[in-house]
Amino acid sequence: MSPFLSLISKVCLTALLATGTACLYRMALGPKAADRALAFDALANVFIGIICVFCIQWESALYFDAVWILTLVGFLGTASIARYLERGRVF
C-alpha cells in the first residue's frame, strides 16, 4: 500500500471514530426516540465504513459480504423502528 493511501485511511478511521463517538452520545442522551433511531442508523453506517476502510488497508475483499449483510440489517432495523414510532406497532 502506498504511503499516501495509508495516511488517508488513518485519517478516515479517525473521522469514523469521532463520528461513532458522537452517535453513541446521541443514542445515550437523545431527547426523543427518533433521535436515538437516527443515531443507531448512523452508527451502523459508521461500522460499515470502518469495515470498508479495513478491507482497503488489508487489500482484501473478504469482508465485503459482511458489509452487505450489515447494510441490510441496518436498513431493516431503521425501517421497523420508524414504523413503530409512526404507528405504535410494527405490523
C-alpha atoms as a PDB file:
ATOM      1  CA  MET A   1       0.000   0.000   0.000  1.00  0.00           C
ATOM      2  CA  SER A   2       1.287   3.444  -0.833  1.00  0.00           C
ATOM      3  CA  PRO A   3       2.160   5.838   1.991  1.00  0.00           C
ATOM      4  CA  PHE A   4      -0.458   8.304   0.762  1.00  0.00           C
ATOM      5  CA  LEU A   5      -3.222   5.700   0.869  1.00  0.00           C
ATOM      6  CA  SER A   6      -2.064   4.612   4.311  1.00  0.00           C
ATOM      7  CA  LEU A   7      -2.276   8.188   5.586  1.00  0.00           C
ATOM      8  CA  ILE A   8      -5.711   8.733   4.060  1.00  0.00           C
ATOM      9  CA  SER A   9      -7.060   5.500   5.560  1.00  0.00           C
ATOM     10  CA  LYS A  10      -5.791   6.542   9.012  1.00  0.00           C
ATOM     11  CA  VAL A  11      -7.488   9.918   8.631  1.00  0.00           C
ATOM     12  CA  CYS A  12     -10.711   8.195   7.569  1.00  0.00           C
ATOM     13  CA  LEU A  13     -10.596   5.823  10.533  1.00  0.00           C
ATOM     14  CA  THR A  14     -10.048   8.752  12.895  1.00  0.00           C
ATOM     15  CA  ALA A  15     -13.015  10.609  11.404  1.00  0.00           C
ATOM     16  CA  LEU A  16     -15.188   7.494  11.628  1.00  0.00           C
ATOM     17  CA  LEU A  17     -14.184   7.003  15.267  1.00  0.00           C
ATOM     18  CA  ALA A  18     -15.156  10.595  16.078  1.00  0.00           C
ATOM     19  CA  THR A  19     -18.454  10.162  14.266  1.00  0.00           C
ATOM     20  CA  GLY A  20     -19.150   6.910  16.080  1.00  0.00           C
ATOM     21  CA  THR A  21     -18.481   8.587  19.412  1.00  0.00           C
ATOM     22  CA  ALA A  22     -20.920  11.376  18.538  1.00  0.00           C
ATOM     23  CA  CYS A  23     -23.539   8.770  17.554  1.00  0.00           C
ATOM     24  CA  LEU A  24     -23.103   6.925  20.848  1.00  0.00           C
ATOM     25  CA  TYR A  25     -23.502  10.228  22.698  1.00  0.00           C
ATOM     26  CA  ARG A  26     -26.737  10.954  20.820  1.00  0.00           C
ATOM     27  CA  MET A  27     -28.020   7.434  21.475  1.00  0.00           C
ATOM     28  CA  ALA A  28     -27.403   7.808  25.203  1.00  0.00           C
ATOM     29  CA  LEU A  29     -28.750  11.338  25.640  1.00  0.00           C
ATOM     30  CA  GLY A  30     -31.179  11.775  22.768  1.00  0.00           C
ATOM     31  CA  PRO A  31     -34.268  13.597  23.982  1.00  0.00           C
ATOM     32  CA  LYS A  32     -36.604  11.639  21.693  1.00  0.00           C
ATOM     33  CA  ALA A  33     -36.801   8.088  20.403  1.00  0.00           C
ATOM     34  CA  ALA A  34     -36.468   9.361  16.838  1.00  0.00           C
ATOM     35  CA  ASP A  35     -33.076  10.882  17.710  1.00  0.00           C
ATOM     36  CA  ARG A  36     -31.937   7.546  19.097  1.00  0.00           C
ATOM     37  CA  ALA A  37     -33.164   5.704  15.998  1.00  0.00           C
ATOM     38  CA  LEU A  38     -31.319   8.098  13.710  1.00  0.00           C
ATOM     39  CA  ALA A  39     -28.151   7.730  15.795  1.00  0.00           C
ATOM     40  CA  PHE A  40     -28.473   3.936  15.566  1.00  0.00           C
ATOM     41  CA  ASP A  41     -28.725   4.128  11.791  1.00  0.00           C
ATOM     42  CA  ALA A  42     -25.731   6.449  11.583  1.00  0.00           C
ATOM     43  CA  LEU A  43     -23.716   4.176  13.890  1.00  0.00           C
ATOM     44  CA  ALA A  44     -24.498   1.179  11.681  1.00  0.00           C
ATOM     45  CA  ASN A  45     -23.213   3.154   8.700  1.00  0.00           C
ATOM     46  CA  VAL A  46     -20.070   4.073  10.640  1.00  0.00           C
ATOM     47  CA  PHE A  47     -19.389   0.383  11.307  1.00  0.00           C
ATOM     48  CA  ILE A  48     -19.874  -0.343   7.622  1.00  0.00           C
ATOM     49  CA  GLY A  49     -17.419   2.412   6.734  1.00  0.00           C
ATOM     50  CA  ILE A  50     -14.847   1.075   9.194  1.00  0.00           C
ATOM     51  CA  ILE A  51     -15.083  -2.392   7.682  1.00  0.00           C
ATOM     52  CA  CYS A  52     -14.671  -0.941   4.171  1.00  0.00           C
ATOM     53  CA  VAL A  53     -11.588   1.056   5.187  1.00  0.00           C
ATOM     54  CA  PHE A  54     -10.055  -2.031   6.790  1.00  0.00           C
ATOM     55  CA  CYS A  55     -10.723  -4.004   3.590  1.00  0.00           C
ATOM     56  CA  ILE A  56      -8.861  -1.349   1.623  1.00  0.00           C
ATOM     57  CA  GLN A  57      -5.972  -1.344   4.098  1.00  0.00           C
ATOM     58  CA  TRP A  58      -5.651  -5.130   4.098  1.00  0.00           C
ATOM     59  CA  GLU A  59      -6.146  -5.283   0.300  1.00  0.00           C
ATOM     60  CA  SER A  60      -8.783  -7.961   0.739  1.00  0.00           C
ATOM     61  CA  ALA A  61     -12.384  -8.263  -0.389  1.00  0.00           C
ATOM     62  CA  LEU A  62     -13.131 -10.926   2.196  1.00  0.00           C
ATOM     63  CA  TYR A  63     -15.348  -8.799   4.427  1.00  0.00           C
ATOM     64  CA  PHE A  64     -17.427  -7.107   1.747  1.00  0.00           C
ATOM     65  CA  ASP A  65     -20.083  -9.802   2.207  1.00  0.00           C
ATOM     66  CA  ALA A  66     -20.353  -8.725   5.828  1.00  0.00           C
ATOM     67  CA  VAL A  67     -20.853  -5.163   4.599  1.00  0.00           C
ATOM     68  CA  TRP A  68     -23.854  -6.238   2.521  1.00  0.00           C
ATOM     69  CA  ILE A  69     -25.377  -8.085   5.470  1.00  0.00           C
ATOM     70  CA  LEU A  70     -24.824  -5.187   7.876  1.00  0.00           C
ATOM     71  CA  THR A  71     -26.331  -2.780   5.362  1.00  0.00           C
ATOM     72  CA  LEU A  72     -29.449  -4.905   5.043  1.00  0.00           C
ATOM     73  CA  VAL A  73     -29.825  -5.411   8.791  1.00  0.00           C
ATOM     74  CA  GLY A  74     -29.280  -1.708   9.458  1.00  0.00           C
ATOM     75  CA  PHE A  75     -31.880  -0.703   6.899  1.00  0.00           C
ATOM     76  CA  LEU A  76     -34.469  -3.180   8.160  1.00  0.00           C
ATOM     77  CA  GLY A  77     -33.852  -2.130  11.755  1.00  0.00           C
ATOM     78  CA  THR A  78     -34.249   1.544  10.930  1.00  0.00           C
ATOM     79  CA  ALA A  79     -37.370   0.916   8.858  1.00  0.00           C
ATOM     80  CA  SER A  80     -39.001  -1.113  11.632  1.00  0.00           C
ATOM     81  CA  ILE A  81     -38.138   1.483  14.283  1.00  0.00           C
ATOM     82  CA  ALA A  82     -39.556   4.256  12.092  1.00  0.00           C
ATOM     83  CA  ARG A  83     -42.746   2.295  11.503  1.00  0.00           C
ATOM     84  CA  TYR A  84     -43.102   1.610  15.222  1.00  0.00           C
ATOM     85  CA  LEU A  85     -42.622   5.289  16.078  1.00  0.00           C
ATOM     86  CA  GLU A  86     -45.171   6.307  13.453  1.00  0.00           C
ATOM     87  CA  ARG A  87     -47.939   3.779  14.144  1.00  0.00           C
ATOM     88  CA  GLY A  88     -47.186   2.366  17.576  1.00  0.00           C
ATOM     89  CA  ARG A  89     -46.820  -1.146  16.157  1.00  0.00           C
ATOM     90  CA  VAL A  90     -44.515  -2.816  13.670  1.00  0.00           C
ATOM     91  CA  PHE A  91     -47.017  -4.917  11.703  1.00  0.00           C
END
